[in-house]
N, C-alpha and C. Protein backbone atom coordinates (compact mmCIF):
# COMPACT_ATOMS: atom_id res chain seq x y z
N MET A 1 -19.10 -32.03 -34.45
CA MET A 1 -19.74 -30.76 -34.11
C MET A 1 -18.54 -29.87 -33.36
N TYR A 2 -17.67 -30.28 -32.34
CA TYR A 2 -16.84 -29.58 -31.80
C TYR A 2 -15.30 -29.96 -32.25
N SER A 3 -14.43 -29.57 -32.44
CA SER A 3 -13.18 -30.21 -32.81
C SER A 3 -12.39 -30.73 -31.50
N PRO A 4 -11.68 -31.74 -31.18
CA PRO A 4 -11.19 -32.13 -30.10
C PRO A 4 -10.27 -31.12 -29.35
N THR A 5 -9.75 -30.35 -30.55
CA THR A 5 -8.59 -29.46 -29.99
C THR A 5 -9.32 -28.19 -29.21
N LEU A 6 -10.54 -27.79 -29.66
CA LEU A 6 -11.28 -26.67 -29.05
C LEU A 6 -11.86 -27.27 -27.68
N ILE A 7 -12.12 -28.47 -27.45
CA ILE A 7 -12.57 -29.20 -26.20
C ILE A 7 -11.50 -29.13 -25.24
N LEU A 8 -10.09 -29.66 -25.58
CA LEU A 8 -8.82 -29.61 -24.90
C LEU A 8 -8.72 -28.26 -24.39
N LEU A 9 -8.64 -27.37 -25.25
CA LEU A 9 -8.57 -26.17 -24.78
C LEU A 9 -9.62 -25.34 -23.57
N LEU A 10 -10.90 -25.54 -23.82
CA LEU A 10 -11.82 -25.05 -22.98
C LEU A 10 -11.65 -26.20 -21.57
N ALA A 11 -11.50 -27.50 -21.81
CA ALA A 11 -10.76 -27.70 -20.24
C ALA A 11 -9.88 -27.28 -19.60
N ILE A 12 -8.84 -27.08 -20.05
CA ILE A 12 -7.21 -26.43 -19.82
C ILE A 12 -8.07 -25.13 -19.04
N ILE A 13 -8.55 -24.27 -19.71
CA ILE A 13 -9.09 -22.96 -19.22
C ILE A 13 -9.76 -23.04 -17.77
N LEU A 14 -10.58 -24.04 -18.02
CA LEU A 14 -11.92 -24.34 -16.86
C LEU A 14 -10.88 -24.87 -15.88
N ALA A 15 -10.14 -25.79 -15.89
CA ALA A 15 -8.97 -26.33 -14.62
C ALA A 15 -8.10 -25.21 -14.14
N VAL A 16 -7.68 -24.29 -15.23
CA VAL A 16 -6.80 -23.12 -14.57
C VAL A 16 -7.75 -22.31 -13.57
N LEU A 17 -8.94 -21.92 -14.12
CA LEU A 17 -9.84 -21.25 -13.44
C LEU A 17 -10.01 -21.70 -12.08
N ILE A 18 -10.49 -22.84 -11.98
CA ILE A 18 -10.79 -23.87 -10.91
C ILE A 18 -9.81 -23.86 -9.95
N ALA A 19 -8.28 -23.67 -10.43
CA ALA A 19 -7.41 -23.76 -9.53
C ALA A 19 -7.08 -22.29 -8.96
N SER A 20 -6.90 -21.53 -9.78
CA SER A 20 -6.78 -20.30 -9.17
C SER A 20 -7.89 -19.63 -8.27
N TYR A 21 -8.96 -20.08 -8.23
CA TYR A 21 -10.25 -19.87 -7.44
C TYR A 21 -9.63 -20.50 -5.93
N ILE A 22 -9.61 -21.84 -6.16
CA ILE A 22 -9.30 -22.49 -4.87
C ILE A 22 -8.13 -21.78 -4.20
N LEU A 23 -6.84 -21.57 -5.01
CA LEU A 23 -5.78 -21.06 -4.11
C LEU A 23 -5.82 -19.55 -3.72
N GLY A 24 -6.75 -18.79 -4.47
CA GLY A 24 -7.31 -17.75 -3.72
C GLY A 24 -8.07 -17.62 -2.54
N GLN A 25 -8.91 -18.71 -2.55
CA GLN A 25 -9.69 -18.83 -1.15
C GLN A 25 -8.74 -19.16 0.05
N LEU A 26 -8.01 -20.24 -0.33
CA LEU A 26 -6.78 -20.57 0.88
C LEU A 26 -5.85 -19.05 1.14
N LEU A 27 -5.47 -18.58 0.45
CA LEU A 27 -4.60 -17.56 0.54
C LEU A 27 -5.48 -16.41 1.41
N HIS A 28 -6.82 -16.05 0.90
CA HIS A 28 -7.50 -15.32 1.62
C HIS A 28 -7.81 -15.68 3.10
N ARG A 29 -8.03 -16.81 3.30
CA ARG A 29 -8.30 -17.64 4.74
C ARG A 29 -6.78 -17.23 5.62
N ARG A 30 -5.57 -17.50 4.93
CA ARG A 30 -4.72 -17.42 5.77
C ARG A 30 -4.19 -16.15 5.88
N HIS A 31 -4.72 -14.98 5.13
CA HIS A 31 -4.31 -13.68 5.23
C HIS A 31 -5.36 -13.14 6.47
N ARG A 32 -6.44 -13.40 6.36
CA ARG A 32 -7.45 -13.17 7.77
C ARG A 32 -6.93 -13.86 8.91
N ARG A 33 -6.31 -14.73 9.20
CA ARG A 33 -5.95 -15.30 10.54
C ARG A 33 -4.79 -14.71 10.66
N ARG A 34 -3.45 -14.35 9.91
CA ARG A 34 -2.77 -13.48 10.18
C ARG A 34 -3.03 -11.91 10.79
N ALA A 35 -3.94 -11.32 10.16
CA ALA A 35 -4.61 -10.20 10.47
C ALA A 35 -5.28 -9.94 11.83
N ARG A 36 -5.48 -11.04 12.32
CA ARG A 36 -6.10 -11.20 13.90
C ARG A 36 -4.82 -11.55 14.70
N SER A 37 -3.74 -12.11 14.32
CA SER A 37 -2.93 -12.22 15.34
C SER A 37 -2.28 -11.16 15.77
N TYR A 38 -1.55 -11.02 16.71
CA TYR A 38 -0.90 -9.69 17.70
C TYR A 38 0.25 -10.23 18.33
N ALA A 39 1.26 -9.69 17.90
CA ALA A 39 2.79 -10.22 18.48
C ALA A 39 2.88 -9.93 19.73
N GLY A 40 3.40 -10.77 20.53
CA GLY A 40 3.65 -10.49 21.75
C GLY A 40 2.77 -10.57 22.98
N ALA A 41 1.49 -10.15 22.54
CA ALA A 41 0.34 -10.00 23.38
C ALA A 41 -0.44 -11.52 23.68
N LYS A 42 -0.97 -11.72 24.93
CA LYS A 42 -1.49 -12.94 25.14
C LYS A 42 -3.28 -12.40 24.94
N ARG A 43 -4.00 -13.25 24.56
CA ARG A 43 -5.35 -12.97 24.29
C ARG A 43 -6.50 -13.60 24.68
N SER A 44 -7.51 -13.24 24.94
CA SER A 44 -8.64 -14.00 25.93
C SER A 44 -9.86 -13.90 25.03
N PRO A 45 -10.45 -15.10 25.12
CA PRO A 45 -11.65 -15.17 24.40
C PRO A 45 -12.91 -14.18 24.75
N ARG A 46 -13.34 -13.76 23.47
CA ARG A 46 -14.84 -12.90 23.77
C ARG A 46 -16.07 -13.59 23.37
N ARG A 47 -17.13 -13.09 23.84
CA ARG A 47 -18.49 -13.80 23.45
C ARG A 47 -18.59 -13.82 22.12
N SER A 48 -18.21 -12.84 21.48
CA SER A 48 -18.49 -12.66 19.86
C SER A 48 -17.48 -13.71 19.05
N GLY A 49 -16.55 -14.40 19.77
CA GLY A 49 -15.94 -15.55 19.17
C GLY A 49 -14.36 -14.50 18.65
N LEU A 50 -14.33 -13.27 18.53
CA LEU A 50 -13.13 -12.84 18.22
C LEU A 50 -12.11 -12.78 19.31
N LEU A 51 -11.01 -12.41 19.21
CA LEU A 51 -9.85 -12.24 20.54
C LEU A 51 -9.74 -10.84 20.81
N LYS A 52 -9.38 -10.42 22.14
CA LYS A 52 -9.07 -9.40 22.45
C LYS A 52 -7.84 -9.40 23.10
N VAL A 53 -7.02 -8.21 23.01
CA VAL A 53 -5.75 -7.92 23.69
C VAL A 53 -6.04 -7.81 25.14
N GLN A 54 -4.99 -8.28 26.02
CA GLN A 54 -5.15 -8.23 27.50
C GLN A 54 -4.74 -6.85 27.71
N ASP A 55 -5.06 -6.10 28.68
CA ASP A 55 -4.68 -5.08 29.27
C ASP A 55 -3.89 -5.17 30.22
N HIS A 56 -2.52 -5.40 30.19
CA HIS A 56 -1.76 -5.79 31.09
C HIS A 56 -1.65 -4.97 32.23
N GLY A 57 -1.59 -3.38 31.99
CA GLY A 57 -1.66 -2.19 33.17
C GLY A 57 -2.89 -2.42 33.82
N ALA A 58 -4.04 -2.80 33.33
CA ALA A 58 -5.21 -2.82 34.22
C ALA A 58 -5.14 -3.99 34.94
N ARG A 59 -4.63 -5.16 34.41
CA ARG A 59 -4.17 -6.18 35.23
C ARG A 59 -3.43 -6.15 36.52
N ILE A 60 -2.74 -5.59 36.20
CA ILE A 60 -1.69 -5.58 37.56
C ILE A 60 -2.19 -4.36 38.36
N ALA A 61 -2.83 -3.19 37.86
CA ALA A 61 -3.47 -2.29 38.95
C ALA A 61 -4.66 -2.96 39.71
N ARG A 62 -5.21 -4.00 39.03
CA ARG A 62 -6.55 -4.77 39.67
C ARG A 62 -5.60 -5.37 40.86
N THR A 63 -4.30 -5.89 40.92
CA THR A 63 -3.64 -6.76 41.98
C THR A 63 -3.50 -5.41 43.17
N HIS A 64 -3.30 -4.41 42.58
CA HIS A 64 -3.10 -3.23 43.75
C HIS A 64 -4.36 -2.50 44.31
N GLY A 65 -5.57 -3.17 43.67
CA GLY A 65 -6.75 -2.50 44.17
C GLY A 65 -7.09 -1.17 43.53
N ARG A 66 -6.79 -1.06 42.42
CA ARG A 66 -7.14 0.21 41.30
C ARG A 66 -7.89 -0.42 40.17
N GLU A 67 -8.58 0.66 39.45
CA GLU A 67 -9.29 0.28 38.16
C GLU A 67 -8.82 0.97 37.05
N ARG A 68 -8.94 1.12 36.16
CA ARG A 68 -8.62 2.07 34.87
C ARG A 68 -9.90 3.44 35.08
N SER A 69 -9.51 4.58 34.64
CA SER A 69 -10.52 5.41 34.56
C SER A 69 -11.45 5.18 33.38
N PRO A 70 -12.76 5.54 33.42
CA PRO A 70 -13.55 5.35 32.23
C PRO A 70 -13.11 6.16 31.08
N GLU A 71 -12.25 7.27 31.46
CA GLU A 71 -11.69 8.26 30.28
C GLU A 71 -10.46 7.59 29.70
N TRP A 72 -9.99 6.42 30.29
CA TRP A 72 -8.52 6.13 29.70
C TRP A 72 -8.73 5.91 28.14
N HIS A 73 -9.71 5.32 27.84
CA HIS A 73 -9.51 4.86 26.28
C HIS A 73 -9.48 6.32 25.40
N ARG A 74 -10.13 7.27 25.74
CA ARG A 74 -10.39 8.12 24.94
C ARG A 74 -9.08 9.25 25.09
N VAL A 75 -8.25 9.20 26.10
CA VAL A 75 -7.08 9.67 26.36
C VAL A 75 -6.28 9.20 25.64
N ALA A 76 -6.01 7.70 25.47
CA ALA A 76 -5.05 6.72 24.90
C ALA A 76 -5.27 7.28 23.29
N LYS A 77 -6.27 7.27 22.93
CA LYS A 77 -6.53 7.65 21.43
C LYS A 77 -6.14 9.15 21.28
N GLU A 78 -6.22 10.01 21.89
CA GLU A 78 -5.78 11.47 21.89
C GLU A 78 -4.31 11.26 21.89
N HIS A 79 -3.71 10.56 22.77
CA HIS A 79 -2.18 10.64 22.68
C HIS A 79 -1.50 9.84 21.53
N LEU A 80 -2.43 8.76 20.94
CA LEU A 80 -1.59 8.18 19.60
C LEU A 80 -2.09 9.17 18.69
N LEU A 81 -3.00 10.14 18.67
CA LEU A 81 -3.04 11.38 17.30
C LEU A 81 -2.03 12.27 17.55
N ARG A 82 -1.29 12.49 18.82
CA ARG A 82 -0.22 13.31 19.00
C ARG A 82 0.97 12.82 18.89
N GLU A 83 1.01 11.40 19.33
CA GLU A 83 2.67 10.81 18.97
C GLU A 83 2.34 9.43 18.20
N PRO A 84 2.04 9.33 17.06
CA PRO A 84 1.62 8.28 16.45
C PRO A 84 2.69 7.27 15.88
N SER A 85 4.07 7.07 16.51
CA SER A 85 4.99 6.24 16.15
C SER A 85 5.60 5.94 17.54
N CYS A 86 6.15 4.64 17.47
CA CYS A 86 6.90 3.94 18.74
C CYS A 86 7.99 5.22 19.06
N ALA A 87 8.21 5.53 20.21
CA ALA A 87 9.50 6.40 20.43
C ALA A 87 10.61 5.42 20.51
N ALA A 88 10.65 4.43 20.64
CA ALA A 88 11.92 3.35 20.50
C ALA A 88 12.19 3.15 19.10
N CYS A 89 11.29 3.11 18.20
CA CYS A 89 12.03 2.71 16.79
C CYS A 89 11.24 3.53 15.38
N GLY A 90 10.01 4.38 15.80
CA GLY A 90 9.79 4.98 14.70
C GLY A 90 8.27 4.03 14.13
N TYR A 91 8.13 2.81 14.82
CA TYR A 91 6.93 2.15 14.14
C TYR A 91 5.74 2.92 14.18
N LYS A 92 5.10 2.58 13.04
CA LYS A 92 3.67 3.20 12.88
C LYS A 92 2.87 2.30 12.31
N GLY A 93 2.06 1.53 13.00
CA GLY A 93 0.89 0.34 12.87
C GLY A 93 0.06 0.18 13.92
N LYS A 94 -0.59 -1.20 13.57
CA LYS A 94 -1.47 -1.32 14.55
C LYS A 94 -1.16 -1.91 15.86
N LYS A 95 0.22 -2.25 15.75
CA LYS A 95 0.87 -2.71 17.20
C LYS A 95 1.35 -1.55 18.24
N LEU A 96 0.53 -0.21 18.26
CA LEU A 96 1.30 0.42 18.89
C LEU A 96 0.40 0.45 20.29
N GLN A 97 1.05 1.14 21.47
CA GLN A 97 0.33 0.90 22.91
C GLN A 97 0.97 2.11 23.34
N VAL A 98 -0.06 2.58 24.10
CA VAL A 98 0.14 3.79 25.19
C VAL A 98 0.87 3.20 26.43
N HIS A 99 1.91 3.63 26.60
CA HIS A 99 2.51 3.35 28.11
C HIS A 99 2.69 4.55 28.95
N HIS A 100 2.21 3.95 30.37
CA HIS A 100 2.36 5.10 31.52
C HIS A 100 3.99 5.03 31.79
N ILE A 101 4.41 6.03 31.87
CA ILE A 101 6.24 6.19 32.32
C ILE A 101 6.03 5.85 34.00
N LYS A 102 5.28 6.52 34.60
CA LYS A 102 5.07 6.33 36.12
C LYS A 102 4.00 5.41 36.12
N PRO A 103 3.95 4.11 36.64
CA PRO A 103 2.56 3.39 36.39
C PRO A 103 1.47 3.81 37.36
N PHE A 104 0.37 3.67 36.69
CA PHE A 104 -0.82 4.31 37.59
C PHE A 104 -1.47 3.75 38.60
N HIS A 105 -1.20 2.51 38.73
CA HIS A 105 -1.48 1.90 40.12
C HIS A 105 -0.31 2.19 41.37
N LEU A 106 0.59 2.90 41.02
CA LEU A 106 1.41 3.68 42.25
C LEU A 106 1.17 5.20 42.11
N HIS A 107 0.74 5.68 41.11
CA HIS A 107 0.60 7.07 40.94
C HIS A 107 -0.87 7.39 40.18
N PRO A 108 -1.81 7.11 40.82
CA PRO A 108 -3.20 7.00 40.08
C PRO A 108 -3.45 8.30 39.42
N GLN A 109 -3.00 9.38 40.23
CA GLN A 109 -3.08 10.92 39.91
C GLN A 109 -2.72 11.21 38.60
N LEU A 110 -1.70 10.41 38.07
CA LEU A 110 -1.19 10.47 36.64
C LEU A 110 -1.77 9.80 35.52
N GLU A 111 -2.71 8.99 35.84
CA GLU A 111 -3.23 8.13 35.04
C GLU A 111 -3.64 8.80 33.60
N LEU A 112 -4.24 9.78 33.52
CA LEU A 112 -4.66 10.62 32.54
C LEU A 112 -3.90 11.67 31.94
N ASP A 113 -2.72 12.01 32.67
CA ASP A 113 -1.64 13.06 32.33
C ASP A 113 -0.74 12.83 30.96
N PRO A 114 -1.21 13.62 30.18
CA PRO A 114 -0.29 13.44 28.77
C PRO A 114 1.21 13.42 28.91
N GLN A 115 1.89 13.99 29.92
CA GLN A 115 3.14 14.11 30.35
C GLN A 115 3.67 12.66 30.73
N ASN A 116 2.91 11.78 31.27
CA ASN A 116 3.23 10.62 31.91
C ASN A 116 2.97 9.50 30.83
N LEU A 117 2.63 9.71 29.74
CA LEU A 117 2.39 9.14 28.41
C LEU A 117 3.23 8.95 27.47
N ILE A 118 3.67 7.57 26.82
CA ILE A 118 4.77 7.40 25.66
C ILE A 118 4.33 6.43 25.05
N THR A 119 4.12 6.66 23.61
CA THR A 119 4.06 5.40 22.79
C THR A 119 5.15 4.43 22.53
N LEU A 120 4.67 3.09 22.79
CA LEU A 120 5.82 2.13 22.54
C LEU A 120 4.89 1.06 21.60
N CYS A 121 5.85 -0.02 20.91
CA CYS A 121 5.33 -0.83 20.04
C CYS A 121 5.31 -2.40 20.70
N ALA A 122 4.50 -3.24 20.20
CA ALA A 122 4.66 -4.18 20.59
C ALA A 122 4.74 -5.38 19.46
N ALA A 123 5.33 -4.75 18.14
CA ALA A 123 5.66 -5.49 17.12
C ALA A 123 6.34 -6.54 17.26
N ARG A 124 6.31 -7.60 16.50
CA ARG A 124 7.08 -8.87 16.55
C ARG A 124 8.65 -8.55 16.32
N GLY A 125 9.60 -9.20 17.22
CA GLY A 125 10.91 -8.59 17.10
C GLY A 125 11.40 -7.83 17.71
N ARG A 126 10.46 -6.60 18.05
CA ARG A 126 10.80 -5.27 18.88
C ARG A 126 10.20 -5.30 20.16
N GLU A 127 9.09 -5.50 20.22
CA GLU A 127 8.55 -5.43 21.71
C GLU A 127 8.86 -4.64 22.65
N HIS A 128 8.88 -3.34 22.14
CA HIS A 128 9.46 -2.29 22.75
C HIS A 128 8.85 -1.95 24.04
N HIS A 129 7.42 -2.19 23.98
CA HIS A 129 6.33 -1.77 25.12
C HIS A 129 6.84 -2.87 26.18
N LEU A 130 7.30 -3.98 26.43
CA LEU A 130 7.53 -5.04 27.38
C LEU A 130 9.13 -4.71 27.78
N LEU A 131 9.76 -4.67 26.77
CA LEU A 131 11.33 -4.81 27.05
C LEU A 131 11.57 -3.39 27.61
N LEU A 132 11.34 -2.21 27.07
CA LEU A 132 11.85 -1.00 27.63
C LEU A 132 10.99 -0.43 28.77
N GLY A 133 9.54 -0.52 28.40
CA GLY A 133 8.68 -0.04 29.42
C GLY A 133 8.59 -0.76 30.72
N HIS A 134 8.93 -2.16 30.37
CA HIS A 134 8.59 -2.60 31.57
C HIS A 134 9.52 -3.84 32.20
N LEU A 135 10.62 -3.46 31.41
CA LEU A 135 11.91 -4.25 31.36
C LEU A 135 11.74 -5.62 31.58
N ASP A 136 10.96 -6.05 30.44
CA ASP A 136 10.93 -7.40 30.36
C ASP A 136 9.95 -8.30 31.28
N GLU A 137 9.22 -7.61 31.94
CA GLU A 137 8.26 -8.20 32.86
C GLU A 137 7.04 -7.30 33.34
N TRP A 138 5.91 -7.55 32.78
CA TRP A 138 4.72 -6.75 32.90
C TRP A 138 4.31 -6.06 34.36
N ALA A 139 4.98 -6.62 35.08
CA ALA A 139 4.37 -6.09 36.77
C ALA A 139 5.75 -4.92 37.12
N SER A 140 6.78 -5.10 36.25
CA SER A 140 7.70 -3.91 36.50
C SER A 140 7.38 -2.83 35.66
N TYR A 141 8.42 -1.69 36.00
CA TYR A 141 8.30 -0.46 35.35
C TYR A 141 9.77 0.25 35.10
N ASN A 142 9.60 1.04 34.17
CA ASN A 142 10.81 1.45 33.90
C ASN A 142 10.83 3.25 33.81
N GLU A 143 11.07 4.12 34.90
CA GLU A 143 10.72 5.50 35.07
C GLU A 143 11.55 6.11 34.25
N HIS A 144 12.74 5.55 33.66
CA HIS A 144 13.62 6.23 32.97
C HIS A 144 13.44 6.09 31.27
N ILE A 145 12.24 5.58 30.98
CA ILE A 145 12.00 5.28 29.82
C ILE A 145 12.35 6.34 28.40
N ARG A 146 12.41 7.38 28.88
CA ARG A 146 12.50 8.43 27.80
C ARG A 146 13.81 8.20 27.38
N VAL A 147 15.08 8.37 28.55
CA VAL A 147 16.21 7.96 28.11
C VAL A 147 16.52 6.84 27.46
N ASP A 148 16.10 5.51 27.88
CA ASP A 148 16.30 4.38 27.21
C ASP A 148 15.74 4.42 25.83
N VAL A 149 14.51 4.96 25.48
CA VAL A 149 14.32 4.77 24.11
C VAL A 149 15.20 5.73 23.19
N LYS A 150 15.87 6.60 23.57
CA LYS A 150 16.98 7.21 22.80
C LYS A 150 18.26 6.32 22.89
N ARG A 151 18.45 5.79 23.81
CA ARG A 151 19.78 4.80 23.91
C ARG A 151 19.56 3.68 23.08
N PHE A 152 18.26 2.94 23.09
CA PHE A 152 18.16 1.60 22.37
C PHE A 152 17.07 2.05 20.85
N TYR A 153 17.50 3.21 20.47
CA TYR A 153 16.59 3.74 19.68
C TYR A 153 16.76 2.74 17.97
N ARG A 154 15.85 2.15 17.64
CA ARG A 154 15.84 1.53 16.45
C ARG A 154 16.51 -0.04 16.71
N LYS A 155 16.71 -0.58 17.88
CA LYS A 155 17.41 -1.72 18.04
C LYS A 155 16.28 -2.90 18.13
N THR A 156 16.57 -3.89 17.88
CA THR A 156 15.63 -5.24 17.79
C THR A 156 15.45 -5.71 19.38
N ALA A 157 14.54 -6.39 19.53
CA ALA A 157 14.56 -7.13 20.78
C ALA A 157 15.67 -8.06 21.12
N ALA A 158 16.28 -8.56 20.08
CA ALA A 158 17.43 -9.46 20.36
C ALA A 158 18.72 -8.49 20.79
N GLN A 159 19.01 -7.42 20.22
CA GLN A 159 20.05 -6.38 20.32
C GLN A 159 19.74 -5.83 21.86
N ILE A 160 18.46 -5.40 21.96
CA ILE A 160 18.54 -4.94 23.43
C ILE A 160 18.80 -6.12 24.61
N ARG A 161 18.25 -7.28 24.35
CA ARG A 161 18.45 -7.94 25.49
C ARG A 161 19.90 -8.52 25.47
N ALA A 162 20.59 -8.49 24.59
CA ALA A 162 22.21 -8.64 24.29
C ALA A 162 23.06 -7.48 25.05
N ASP A 163 22.44 -6.40 25.05
CA ASP A 163 23.01 -5.39 25.87
C ASP A 163 23.46 -5.30 27.15
N LEU A 164 24.83 -4.92 27.30
CA LEU A 164 24.91 -5.14 28.85
C LEU A 164 24.42 -4.23 29.97
N ILE A 165 24.04 -2.78 29.24
CA ILE A 165 23.42 -1.85 30.05
C ILE A 165 22.01 -2.28 30.55
N TRP A 166 21.31 -3.04 29.43
CA TRP A 166 19.86 -3.16 29.60
C TRP A 166 19.89 -4.37 30.64
N GLN A 167 20.94 -5.34 30.73
CA GLN A 167 20.91 -6.43 31.49
C GLN A 167 21.19 -6.28 32.80
N LYS A 168 21.98 -4.91 33.12
CA LYS A 168 22.28 -4.64 34.33
C LYS A 168 20.63 -3.77 35.22
N LYS A 169 20.05 -2.97 33.97
CA LYS A 169 19.09 -2.53 34.36
C LYS A 169 17.88 -3.64 34.92
N LEU A 170 17.93 -4.92 34.02
CA LEU A 170 17.15 -6.05 34.63
C LEU A 170 17.49 -6.52 36.24
N LEU A 171 18.51 -6.14 36.38
CA LEU A 171 18.92 -6.91 38.02
C LEU A 171 18.56 -5.85 38.77
N GLN A 172 18.45 -4.60 38.35
CA GLN A 172 17.81 -3.57 39.61
C GLN A 172 16.33 -3.30 39.25
N ARG A 173 15.50 -3.89 38.35
CA ARG A 173 14.24 -3.46 38.19
C ARG A 173 13.09 -3.52 39.40
N PRO A 174 12.43 -2.53 39.57
CA PRO A 174 11.59 -2.79 40.63
C PRO A 174 10.61 -3.71 40.53
């Protein structure tokens, strides 16, 4: 009825299709896992099973008896529309964060002031929010951030940490 060559050809085509489907499923799962990860930020579980990035500013403020304004999310979104890239490297992506130049737990009147905000990234290998905005410690702050983003413009986290000026700032951080 069917020649052995035709049967062999159909078997090979079927095997290739099955192998490509399985490989596609594995790569798709791997891609979804990567898309959920967030470099440099700790996560806490939510009821829905998804993970949420911790708000370090709110956590530090709570230790000082302060809470974020209900208007904060709106102001942060508006700021990202005005300043959509990291001031320290130009990064444009999902790992951008809005940073308070003067921390709102010490200056609550400036929490929603656009002049007190700057966009910094938390992208892997850069981590400008933590390194420049908080001098490598979330509880600290850097009121000279606007000068430092110019000084360390387009430098990686490793280059910033190796810099003698930055190391000196660490010793004097608040």
